[in-house]
Amino acid sequence: MRVTKHFFKFVFLSVATFLLLPLTLQSQVCNGSVGDPVVNLTFGKGVTGPSSYVPTSGYTYQSVDCPDDGYYTVIDRTSNCFGNSWYTVSSDHTGGGNFMLVNASYQPGDFFLTTVTDLCPNTTYEFSAWIMNVMNRFNSILPNITFDIEKPDGTVLASFNTGNIPVTAGPQWKQYGFLFTTPFNNATIVLRMTNNAPGGIGNDIALDDIAFRPCGAKITAAIQGGGDTVNICEGDATQYTFSGNASSVYQAPVYQWQSSADSGATWHNIAGATGTTYVRLPVSTPGKYWYRLTVVDASVSGITSCLIASNLLIINVHPKPVANAGPDRVYIKGFDPVTISAVADGENVSFKWSPNLYMNDAGKIDPTVTPAADIMYKLFVQSAYGCTSEDSMQVKIVSGIFIPNAFTPNGDGVNDYWRIPFLDPGLGAEVNVFNRWGQLVYHSSASTVSWDGKLNGHPQASGVYVYVINFNGRFPQIKGTFVLIR
């Protein structure tokens, strides 16, 4: 259960293809502003397999959850390894992909070696990687890793040692990194990773996201009157002015405002937004809108790896909450109270009824009501961000159920349906209509009663029909007849 340099070599290269989250480095960090990862290595998602970054003399790929000594695997989780002497690792560093899991070999040495090109010359870069000591035994051998940044001729530009990576009380990803400066006339560098600890009981690690990010002088941005984050509601037509400020270190700064609609996964230049200020036109569609100001010196403006970005400006457009007071209802005197079927939904919503009269509990979204006269209830809903919606419903008061005794389904638009107007669906009534031979020609259960005089699409004959209304024992059965006239 040991880690060698060859193993880490593979790990670093695999990881550098993915977006790096904000740093929590134990070592050197950029004190100015950073750009997007120029090199960003991850172990991908889903399908796994051996890595081309592991030298033939290094570790051997093994498609298992718990690789043997001198082997590695690429996986999205691992558990129950070697009598549970390893922690259960339930996910990679970012929680959505794979990571590299290495069981150290006995001999220390280089485990990762790669050449990185297309960096910005004479520029400070921040290098970082996420590592976990997967051992849960405190008397085990501790991983100890050295990162070297070299010129192609072997000249060391920067070196950083993690020291002994301790056993933690639980599985814990930790980020290690340092700053280095690329040569003035050659932006090609060699990344070398060396495992200084021997194999044995311990020195077993998981490795994830490896990245190079350009580090430059401070760039600040703000929303006029709103700091760096504004929360507004859907439909808000307010315009916001963004302003930026770049350090005087940039001798001939080239500015560009950018936007992202996917939380920074991709960024797009805003056409014409090339000054230190930018007026954002209203966007009323709900979503999270991110903005930033990028700066680069004119001398290297054509090299994307030189780009430095400001802090984020975020405008969150929150949706209006759902306010649905429910359908209009009928309260029949002598029957059960009417239950309002309302819905209030959204981002941590609150609601209130107006008026809150004749309700058994005005603090409920579905109160029962027994009004003394026709009444209109209005539902007001507000989200945690102050976004509001409203809706209303009416409760009509009747003294009894009126059942028509005839209808004429001839298509003239007058009395074409047999309906029971005040039979509220909330009563749960079951309505059956039979012809003179006892055949069921219409059925309705706990819904609006409306018969067009047809059975399976065929018009029924003129004549007398019998209806039976049952309330499931809650109220007496109602029976009677009506005439279909053609």
Protein backbone atom coordinates (compact mmCIF):
# COMPACT_ATOMS: atom_id res chain seq x y z
CA MET A 1 0.00 0.00 0.00
CA ARG A 2 2.70 2.43 -1.14
CA VAL A 3 2.88 5.40 -3.51
CA THR A 4 5.70 6.02 -5.96
CA LYS A 5 6.61 8.98 -8.06
CA HIS A 6 5.55 7.27 -11.24
CA PHE A 7 2.09 6.89 -9.86
CA PHE A 8 1.74 10.55 -9.05
CA LYS A 9 3.13 11.46 -12.36
CA PHE A 10 0.14 9.88 -13.99
CA VAL A 11 -2.20 11.40 -11.52
CA PHE A 12 -1.18 14.95 -12.09
CA LEU A 13 -1.56 14.79 -15.82
CA SER A 14 -4.96 13.19 -15.71
CA VAL A 15 -6.36 15.70 -13.32
CA ALA A 16 -5.37 18.89 -15.05
CA THR A 17 -8.32 19.00 -17.47
CA PHE A 18 -11.06 20.11 -15.07
CA LEU A 19 -12.25 23.38 -13.57
CA LEU A 20 -10.57 24.18 -10.24
CA LEU A 21 -12.61 25.44 -7.30
CA PRO A 22 -11.50 28.37 -5.10
CA LEU A 23 -8.21 27.64 -3.35
CA THR A 24 -7.76 26.61 0.28
CA LEU A 25 -4.04 25.99 -0.08
CA GLN A 26 -1.82 25.14 2.86
CA SER A 27 1.06 26.70 0.95
CA GLN A 28 1.62 29.67 -1.34
CA VAL A 29 -1.36 31.30 -2.99
CA CYS A 30 -1.80 34.16 -5.41
CA ASN A 31 -2.27 37.44 -3.53
CA GLY A 32 -3.47 39.23 -6.64
CA SER A 33 -6.02 37.97 -9.18
CA VAL A 34 -5.96 34.71 -11.12
CA GLY A 35 -7.09 33.59 -14.53
CA ASP A 36 -8.83 30.42 -15.63
CA PRO A 37 -6.88 27.16 -15.38
CA VAL A 38 -4.52 26.96 -18.34
CA VAL A 39 -3.76 23.34 -17.63
CA ASN A 40 -6.51 21.53 -15.77
CA LEU A 41 -6.15 17.79 -15.23
CA THR A 42 -8.91 15.55 -13.89
CA PHE A 43 -9.67 11.88 -14.11
CA GLY A 44 -12.88 12.47 -16.01
CA LYS A 45 -16.26 10.87 -15.37
CA GLY A 46 -17.69 7.45 -15.98
CA VAL A 47 -15.42 5.33 -18.19
CA THR A 48 -11.99 4.68 -16.69
CA GLY A 49 -8.77 3.02 -17.79
CA PRO A 50 -4.97 3.35 -17.72
CA SER A 51 -3.34 6.74 -18.19
CA SER A 52 -0.72 7.58 -20.79
CA TYR A 53 0.98 9.79 -18.21
CA VAL A 54 2.19 6.88 -16.13
CA PRO A 55 5.61 5.79 -17.43
CA THR A 56 6.13 2.13 -18.26
CA SER A 57 8.59 1.88 -15.37
CA GLY A 58 6.01 3.31 -12.95
CA TYR A 59 2.78 1.98 -11.60
CA THR A 60 0.55 -0.56 -13.34
CA TYR A 61 -3.14 0.06 -13.92
CA GLN A 62 -5.54 -2.34 -12.19
CA SER A 63 -9.30 -2.22 -12.79
CA VAL A 64 -10.35 -2.89 -9.18
CA ASP A 65 -11.68 -0.91 -6.24
CA CYS A 66 -8.60 -1.67 -4.09
CA PRO A 67 -5.35 -1.81 -6.14
CA ASP A 68 -2.41 -3.92 -4.90
CA ASP A 69 1.08 -2.69 -4.01
CA GLY A 70 2.61 -0.89 -6.99
CA TYR A 71 -0.73 -0.53 -8.76
CA TYR A 72 -3.19 2.29 -9.31
CA THR A 73 -6.78 2.62 -10.45
CA VAL A 74 -9.05 5.42 -11.65
CA ILE A 75 -12.41 5.29 -9.90
CA ASP A 76 -15.26 7.40 -8.52
CA ARG A 77 -15.41 5.76 -5.07
CA THR A 78 -13.75 3.03 -3.02
CA SER A 79 -14.59 1.17 0.20
CA ASN A 80 -13.71 -1.85 2.38
CA CYS A 81 -10.08 -2.00 1.25
CA PHE A 82 -7.54 -4.18 3.08
CA GLY A 83 -9.58 -4.89 6.16
CA ASN A 84 -10.85 -1.30 6.18
CA SER A 85 -7.33 0.04 6.75
CA TRP A 86 -8.21 2.58 4.02
CA TYR A 87 -10.98 5.09 4.39
CA THR A 88 -14.14 4.78 2.37
CA VAL A 89 -13.81 7.54 -0.24
CA SER A 90 -17.30 8.26 -1.54
CA SER A 91 -16.44 10.82 -4.24
CA ASP A 92 -13.72 12.80 -5.95
CA HIS A 93 -12.74 16.27 -4.77
CA THR A 94 -15.54 18.05 -6.63
CA GLY A 95 -18.15 15.35 -6.04
CA GLY A 96 -18.96 14.42 -9.63
CA GLY A 97 -16.14 12.49 -11.27
CA ASN A 98 -13.23 10.10 -10.90
CA PHE A 99 -9.99 10.30 -8.97
CA MET A 100 -6.78 8.34 -9.00
CA LEU A 101 -6.19 5.84 -6.21
CA VAL A 102 -2.64 4.58 -5.68
CA ASN A 103 -1.22 1.78 -3.58
CA ALA A 104 2.42 2.79 -3.15
CA SER A 105 5.32 0.67 -4.30
CA TYR A 106 8.30 0.19 -1.99
CA GLN A 107 10.79 2.44 -3.78
CA PRO A 108 10.57 6.28 -3.68
CA GLY A 109 10.95 8.11 -6.97
CA ASP A 110 9.35 10.23 -9.66
CA PHE A 111 5.76 9.29 -10.24
CA PHE A 112 4.73 12.03 -12.64
CA LEU A 113 6.58 13.92 -15.36
CA THR A 114 5.11 16.01 -18.13
CA THR A 115 5.84 19.01 -20.31
CA VAL A 116 3.44 21.95 -20.26
CA THR A 117 3.41 24.41 -23.16
CA ASP A 118 1.45 27.48 -24.23
CA LEU A 119 1.93 29.26 -20.92
CA CYS A 120 2.32 33.01 -20.82
CA PRO A 121 6.02 34.04 -20.74
CA ASN A 122 7.48 35.91 -17.77
CA THR A 123 4.26 35.31 -15.81
CA THR A 124 3.59 34.06 -12.32
CA TYR A 125 1.49 30.90 -12.18
CA GLU A 126 -0.28 29.21 -9.34
CA PHE A 127 0.08 25.42 -9.38
CA SER A 128 -2.17 23.22 -7.24
CA ALA A 129 -3.34 19.64 -6.71
CA TRP A 130 -5.78 17.90 -4.35
CA ILE A 131 -4.46 14.93 -2.37
CA MET A 132 -5.90 12.60 0.26
CA ASN A 133 -4.02 10.24 2.57
CA VAL A 134 -6.44 7.31 2.40
CA MET A 135 -4.89 5.44 5.36
CA ASN A 136 -6.82 5.48 8.61
CA ARG A 137 -4.03 4.04 10.80
CA PHE A 138 -2.05 6.68 12.65
CA ASN A 139 1.13 4.57 12.86
CA SER A 140 1.39 4.14 9.07
CA ILE A 141 4.02 5.53 6.66
CA LEU A 142 3.06 9.08 5.62
CA PRO A 143 3.10 10.28 1.99
CA ASN A 144 5.66 13.01 1.26
CA ILE A 145 5.64 14.65 -2.18
CA THR A 146 7.89 17.17 -3.92
CA PHE A 147 6.70 19.22 -6.90
CA ASP A 148 9.39 20.62 -9.21
CA ILE A 149 8.91 23.13 -12.02
CA GLU A 150 11.86 22.97 -14.43
CA LYS A 151 13.05 24.37 -17.72
CA PRO A 152 13.42 21.79 -20.50
CA ASP A 153 17.16 21.78 -19.80
CA GLY A 154 16.58 20.69 -16.18
CA THR A 155 17.02 24.08 -14.51
CA VAL A 156 14.69 24.19 -11.50
CA LEU A 157 12.47 27.28 -11.51
CA ALA A 158 10.54 26.43 -8.34
CA SER A 159 10.16 23.57 -5.90
CA PHE A 160 7.63 22.78 -3.20
CA ASN A 161 7.43 19.94 -0.68
CA THR A 162 4.17 18.92 0.97
CA GLY A 163 5.93 17.60 4.05
CA ASN A 164 4.43 14.47 5.57
CA ILE A 165 0.76 14.30 4.66
CA PRO A 166 -0.88 13.28 7.94
CA VAL A 167 -3.53 10.71 8.66
CA THR A 168 -6.79 12.56 9.32
CA ALA A 169 -9.77 11.70 11.49
CA GLY A 170 -11.78 10.98 8.34
CA PRO A 171 -11.36 11.07 4.56
CA GLN A 172 -10.29 14.60 3.72
CA TRP A 173 -9.14 16.19 0.48
CA LYS A 174 -6.42 18.81 0.94
CA GLN A 175 -5.06 21.18 -1.64
CA TYR A 176 -1.34 21.78 -2.03
CA GLY A 177 0.31 24.30 -4.29
CA PHE A 178 2.84 27.04 -4.90
CA LEU A 179 3.75 29.95 -7.18
CA PHE A 180 6.36 29.98 -9.94
CA THR A 181 7.33 32.31 -12.78
CA THR A 182 7.77 31.20 -16.38
CA PRO A 183 10.98 32.17 -18.25
CA PHE A 184 10.98 35.45 -20.14
CA ASN A 185 11.82 33.87 -23.49
CA ASN A 186 10.46 30.34 -23.09
CA ALA A 187 7.02 29.47 -21.70
CA THR A 188 7.61 25.71 -21.87
CA ILE A 189 8.03 24.08 -18.45
CA VAL A 190 8.44 20.56 -17.11
CA LEU A 191 6.38 19.41 -14.13
CA ARG A 192 8.01 16.71 -12.03
CA MET A 193 6.42 15.01 -9.01
CA THR A 194 8.47 12.92 -6.66
CA ASN A 195 7.28 10.61 -3.91
CA ASN A 196 9.92 10.80 -1.18
CA ALA A 197 8.46 8.17 1.16
CA PRO A 198 9.07 4.43 0.92
CA GLY A 199 6.33 1.85 0.55
CA GLY A 200 5.12 -0.44 3.29
CA ILE A 201 2.19 -0.01 5.62
CA GLY A 202 0.92 3.32 4.36
CA ASN A 203 1.95 5.96 1.84
CA ASP A 204 -1.28 5.37 -0.08
CA ILE A 205 -3.09 8.29 -1.63
CA ALA A 206 -5.95 9.56 -3.77
CA LEU A 207 -5.19 12.34 -6.24
CA ASP A 208 -7.52 14.75 -8.01
CA ASP A 209 -7.75 18.09 -9.85
CA ILE A 210 -4.35 19.48 -10.89
CA ALA A 211 -4.25 22.98 -12.35
CA PHE A 212 -2.05 25.87 -13.52
CA ARG A 213 -3.62 29.34 -13.25
CA PRO A 214 -1.94 32.63 -14.20
CA CYS A 215 -1.50 34.97 -11.25
CA GLY A 216 -1.41 38.72 -11.85
CA ALA A 217 -1.83 42.05 -10.10
CA LYS A 218 -5.11 42.71 -8.35
CA ILE A 219 -8.22 43.41 -10.42
CA THR A 220 -11.35 44.52 -8.59
CA ALA A 221 -14.91 44.86 -9.83
CA ALA A 222 -18.12 46.01 -8.19
CA ILE A 223 -21.79 46.62 -8.92
CA GLN A 224 -22.65 50.26 -8.41
CA GLY A 225 -24.57 50.47 -5.15
CA GLY A 226 -24.66 46.71 -4.72
CA GLY A 227 -21.23 45.31 -3.81
CA ASP A 228 -20.57 42.14 -5.79
CA THR A 229 -23.93 40.32 -5.52
CA VAL A 230 -27.48 41.50 -6.21
CA ASN A 231 -30.68 39.51 -5.76
CA ILE A 232 -33.66 40.66 -7.83
CA CYS A 233 -36.98 39.24 -8.90
CA GLU A 234 -38.22 38.02 -12.23
CA GLY A 235 -39.40 40.96 -14.35
CA ASP A 236 -37.17 43.54 -12.61
CA ALA A 237 -36.10 46.05 -15.28
CA THR A 238 -33.34 47.74 -13.25
CA GLN A 239 -30.09 48.53 -15.09
CA TYR A 240 -26.85 47.97 -13.19
CA THR A 241 -23.50 49.61 -13.83
CA PHE A 242 -20.38 47.52 -13.28
CA SER A 243 -17.05 49.18 -12.65
CA GLY A 244 -13.56 47.71 -12.60
CA ASN A 245 -10.12 48.76 -11.51
CA ALA A 246 -6.81 47.19 -12.53
CA SER A 247 -3.49 47.65 -10.78
CA SER A 248 -1.04 50.14 -12.24
CA VAL A 249 1.30 47.20 -12.81
CA TYR A 250 -0.55 46.65 -16.10
CA GLN A 251 1.35 49.06 -18.34
CA ALA A 252 -1.05 48.90 -21.30
CA PRO A 253 -4.14 47.06 -20.04
CA VAL A 254 -6.69 45.59 -22.45
CA TYR A 255 -10.11 45.23 -20.81
CA GLN A 256 -12.94 42.84 -21.62
CA TRP A 257 -16.12 42.19 -19.63
CA GLN A 258 -17.37 38.60 -19.76
CA SER A 259 -20.56 36.82 -18.74
CA SER A 260 -21.45 33.28 -17.75
CA ALA A 261 -24.89 31.68 -17.48
CA ASP A 262 -23.61 28.32 -16.18
CA SER A 263 -21.93 29.34 -12.91
CA GLY A 264 -18.54 29.91 -14.50
CA ALA A 265 -18.23 26.69 -16.48
CA THR A 266 -17.97 28.76 -19.66
CA TRP A 267 -17.34 32.47 -20.19
CA HIS A 268 -18.26 34.65 -23.17
CA ASN A 269 -16.99 38.08 -24.16
CA ILE A 270 -19.68 40.76 -24.06
CA ALA A 271 -19.61 42.55 -27.39
CA GLY A 272 -18.37 46.11 -27.09
CA ALA A 273 -17.75 45.87 -23.34
CA THR A 274 -14.07 46.83 -23.42
CA GLY A 275 -13.91 49.66 -20.90
CA THR A 276 -13.56 49.84 -17.14
CA THR A 277 -17.34 50.23 -16.82
CA TYR A 278 -20.24 48.29 -18.29
CA VAL A 279 -23.99 48.93 -18.12
CA ARG A 280 -25.89 45.67 -17.82
CA LEU A 281 -29.21 45.77 -19.61
CA PRO A 282 -32.14 44.12 -17.80
CA VAL A 283 -32.43 40.34 -18.02
CA SER A 284 -35.73 39.30 -16.46
CA THR A 285 -35.53 35.56 -17.07
CA PRO A 286 -34.82 33.72 -13.79
CA GLY A 287 -31.26 32.47 -13.46
CA LYS A 288 -27.80 33.09 -12.02
CA TYR A 289 -25.86 35.58 -14.11
CA TRP A 290 -22.12 35.89 -13.48
CA TYR A 291 -19.88 38.67 -14.75
CA ARG A 292 -16.20 39.55 -14.49
CA LEU A 293 -13.64 41.94 -15.91
CA THR A 294 -10.60 40.41 -17.59
CA VAL A 295 -7.34 42.26 -18.12
CA VAL A 296 -4.20 41.50 -20.09
CA ASP A 297 -1.26 43.64 -21.15
CA ALA A 298 -1.43 44.68 -24.79
CA SER A 299 1.96 43.07 -25.48
CA VAL A 300 0.53 39.57 -24.84
CA SER A 301 -3.15 40.20 -25.57
CA GLY A 302 -3.19 37.46 -28.19
CA ILE A 303 -2.19 34.76 -25.69
CA THR A 304 -5.27 33.48 -23.85
CA SER A 305 -3.15 31.89 -21.11
CA CYS A 306 -2.10 35.41 -20.01
CA LEU A 307 -5.63 36.53 -19.19
CA ILE A 308 -6.32 37.59 -15.58
CA ALA A 309 -9.85 37.94 -14.19
CA SER A 310 -11.43 40.04 -11.47
CA ASN A 311 -13.62 38.86 -8.65
CA LEU A 312 -17.09 37.70 -9.65
CA LEU A 313 -20.11 39.98 -9.95
CA ILE A 314 -23.33 38.01 -9.56
CA ILE A 315 -26.90 39.01 -10.32
CA ASN A 316 -29.39 36.39 -9.21
CA VAL A 317 -32.78 36.74 -10.88
CA HIS A 318 -35.20 34.84 -8.69
CA PRO A 319 -38.47 33.46 -10.04
CA LYS A 320 -41.76 34.71 -8.73
CA PRO A 321 -43.31 32.24 -6.30
CA VAL A 322 -46.30 30.14 -7.28
CA ALA A 323 -49.60 31.44 -5.91
CA ASN A 324 -52.59 29.33 -6.85
CA ALA A 325 -55.64 29.96 -4.70
CA GLY A 326 -57.36 26.94 -6.21
CA PRO A 327 -60.66 26.63 -8.08
CA ASP A 328 -63.81 28.48 -7.12
CA ARG A 329 -65.93 26.51 -4.68
CA VAL A 330 -69.59 26.21 -3.65
CA TYR A 331 -70.61 26.04 0.00
CA ILE A 332 -73.97 24.33 0.39
CA LYS A 333 -75.62 25.19 3.66
CA GLY A 334 -76.11 22.12 5.78
CA PHE A 335 -73.23 20.28 4.11
CA ASP A 336 -69.60 20.01 5.17
CA PRO A 337 -67.39 23.15 5.19
CA VAL A 338 -65.54 23.83 1.94
CA THR A 339 -61.81 23.07 1.83
CA ILE A 340 -59.75 25.50 -0.24
CA SER A 341 -57.24 23.64 -2.46
CA ALA A 342 -54.47 26.24 -2.76
CA VAL A 343 -50.75 25.98 -3.58
CA ALA A 344 -47.88 28.25 -2.48
CA ASP A 345 -44.46 27.24 -3.74
CA GLY A 346 -41.05 28.75 -4.39
CA GLU A 347 -37.87 29.78 -2.60
CA ASN A 348 -38.70 29.55 1.11
CA VAL A 349 -42.11 31.15 0.71
CA SER A 350 -44.54 32.65 3.18
CA PHE A 351 -48.23 33.32 2.49
CA LYS A 352 -51.33 35.00 3.86
CA TRP A 353 -55.05 35.02 3.11
CA SER A 354 -57.18 38.14 2.73
CA PRO A 355 -59.65 38.32 4.21
CA ASN A 356 -58.93 35.62 6.76
CA LEU A 357 -62.58 35.41 7.83
CA TYR A 358 -64.64 32.25 8.37
CA MET A 359 -61.49 30.08 8.19
CA ASN A 360 -60.72 27.29 10.60
CA ASP A 361 -56.99 28.18 10.39
CA ALA A 362 -55.74 31.15 8.32
CA GLY A 363 -52.18 29.87 8.77
CA LYS A 364 -52.90 26.83 6.57
CA ILE A 365 -52.62 26.77 2.80
CA ASP A 366 -55.72 24.55 2.65
CA PRO A 367 -58.11 25.93 5.27
CA THR A 368 -61.79 24.99 5.49
CA VAL A 369 -64.27 27.85 5.26
CA THR A 370 -67.91 28.39 6.22
CA PRO A 371 -68.75 31.91 5.02
CA ALA A 372 -72.11 33.48 5.67
CA ALA A 373 -72.32 34.99 2.16
CA ASP A 374 -70.53 34.89 -1.18
CA ILE A 375 -66.88 35.84 -0.63
CA MET A 376 -63.66 36.31 -2.62
CA TYR A 377 -60.44 35.05 -0.98
CA LYS A 378 -57.05 36.34 -2.15
CA LEU A 379 -53.80 34.43 -1.59
CA PHE A 380 -50.57 36.47 -1.27
CA VAL A 381 -47.25 34.58 -1.54
CA GLN A 382 -43.76 36.01 -0.94
CA SER A 383 -40.37 34.34 -1.35
CA ALA A 384 -37.32 34.78 0.85
CA TYR A 385 -36.01 37.30 -1.71
CA GLY A 386 -39.11 39.48 -1.61
CA CYS A 387 -40.59 38.20 -4.88
CA THR A 388 -44.39 38.16 -4.74
CA SER A 389 -47.38 36.62 -6.49
CA GLU A 390 -51.09 36.57 -5.78
CA ASP A 391 -54.20 34.73 -6.87
CA SER A 392 -57.85 34.67 -5.85
CA MET A 393 -60.80 32.28 -5.66
CA GLN A 394 -64.49 32.67 -4.87
CA VAL A 395 -66.75 30.74 -2.55
CA LYS A 396 -70.41 30.92 -3.51
CA ILE A 397 -73.12 30.23 -0.92
CA VAL A 398 -76.25 28.27 -1.93
CA SER A 399 -79.06 26.84 0.13
CA GLY A 400 -79.21 23.51 -1.67
CA ILE A 401 -78.34 21.47 -4.75
CA PHE A 402 -80.27 22.43 -7.86
CA ILE A 403 -80.66 19.58 -10.36
CA PRO A 404 -82.05 20.50 -13.83
CA ASN A 405 -84.99 18.35 -14.98
CA ALA A 406 -84.36 18.69 -18.75
CA PHE A 407 -81.76 19.63 -21.38
CA THR A 408 -81.62 19.87 -25.18
CA PRO A 409 -78.28 18.69 -26.65
CA ASN A 410 -78.98 19.92 -30.19
CA GLY A 411 -75.86 22.00 -30.64
CA ASP A 412 -77.54 25.41 -30.64
CA GLY A 413 -75.43 26.56 -27.71
CA VAL A 414 -78.38 26.77 -25.35
CA ASN A 415 -78.91 24.16 -22.63
CA ASP A 416 -76.73 21.63 -24.53
CA TYR A 417 -75.45 19.95 -21.35
CA TRP A 418 -77.03 18.40 -18.29
CA ARG A 419 -75.14 20.02 -15.42
CA ILE A 420 -75.51 20.22 -11.64
CA PRO A 421 -74.11 23.71 -11.07
CA PHE A 422 -73.76 23.70 -7.29
CA LEU A 423 -72.51 20.18 -6.76
CA ASP A 424 -69.03 21.08 -5.48
CA PRO A 425 -66.31 18.50 -6.33
CA GLY A 426 -65.14 18.76 -2.72
CA LEU A 427 -68.22 16.82 -1.63
CA GLY A 428 -66.83 13.74 -3.36
CA ALA A 429 -70.21 12.91 -4.91
CA GLU A 430 -70.59 9.97 -7.30
CA VAL A 431 -73.16 10.67 -10.02
CA ASN A 432 -74.63 7.91 -12.22
CA VAL A 433 -77.17 8.35 -15.03
CA PHE A 434 -79.18 5.41 -16.41
CA ASN A 435 -81.45 5.08 -19.44
CA ARG A 436 -84.90 3.46 -19.37
CA TRP A 437 -83.33 -0.02 -19.68
CA GLY A 438 -81.04 0.51 -16.69
CA GLN A 439 -77.93 0.96 -18.78
CA LEU A 440 -75.28 3.31 -17.30
CA VAL A 441 -74.83 6.14 -19.80
CA TYR A 442 -72.89 8.67 -17.70
CA HIS A 443 -70.65 8.57 -14.62
CA SER A 444 -68.87 11.25 -12.62
CA SER A 445 -66.91 10.96 -9.37
CA ALA A 446 -65.80 13.96 -7.25
CA SER A 447 -65.71 16.21 -10.30
CA THR A 448 -67.80 18.68 -12.24
CA VAL A 449 -70.99 17.14 -13.63
CA SER A 450 -71.48 17.86 -17.35
CA TRP A 451 -73.15 15.35 -19.72
CA ASP A 452 -73.47 16.06 -23.44
CA GLY A 453 -76.16 13.41 -24.02
CA LYS A 454 -73.77 10.91 -25.66
CA LEU A 455 -72.48 7.44 -24.80
CA ASN A 456 -69.12 6.50 -26.31
CA GLY A 457 -69.59 9.38 -28.78
CA HIS A 458 -73.07 8.28 -29.88
CA PRO A 459 -76.08 10.57 -29.23
CA GLN A 460 -78.62 9.00 -26.90
CA ALA A 461 -82.33 8.92 -27.63
CA SER A 462 -84.84 11.42 -26.34
CA GLY A 463 -86.59 10.28 -23.21
CA VAL A 464 -86.51 10.09 -19.45
CA TYR A 465 -83.23 9.30 -17.65
CA VAL A 466 -82.64 8.42 -14.01
CA TYR A 467 -79.87 9.93 -11.91
CA VAL A 468 -78.48 8.66 -8.60
CA ILE A 469 -76.15 10.77 -6.46
CA ASN A 470 -74.22 9.12 -3.63
CA PHE A 471 -72.07 10.90 -1.05
CA ASN A 472 -70.30 7.80 0.32
CA GLY A 473 -72.51 7.78 3.39
CA ARG A 474 -71.71 11.38 4.39
CA PHE A 475 -75.11 12.68 3.24
CA PRO A 476 -78.36 11.06 2.13
CA GLN A 477 -78.57 9.68 -1.39
CA ILE A 478 -80.36 11.82 -3.98
CA LYS A 479 -82.39 10.23 -6.80
CA GLY A 480 -84.57 11.67 -9.54
CA THR A 481 -85.27 11.92 -13.26
CA PHE A 482 -84.73 14.37 -16.08
CA VAL A 483 -85.72 14.53 -19.73
CA LEU A 484 -83.38 14.53 -22.73
CA ILE A 485 -85.12 16.46 -25.53
CA ARG A 486 -83.94 16.45 -29.16
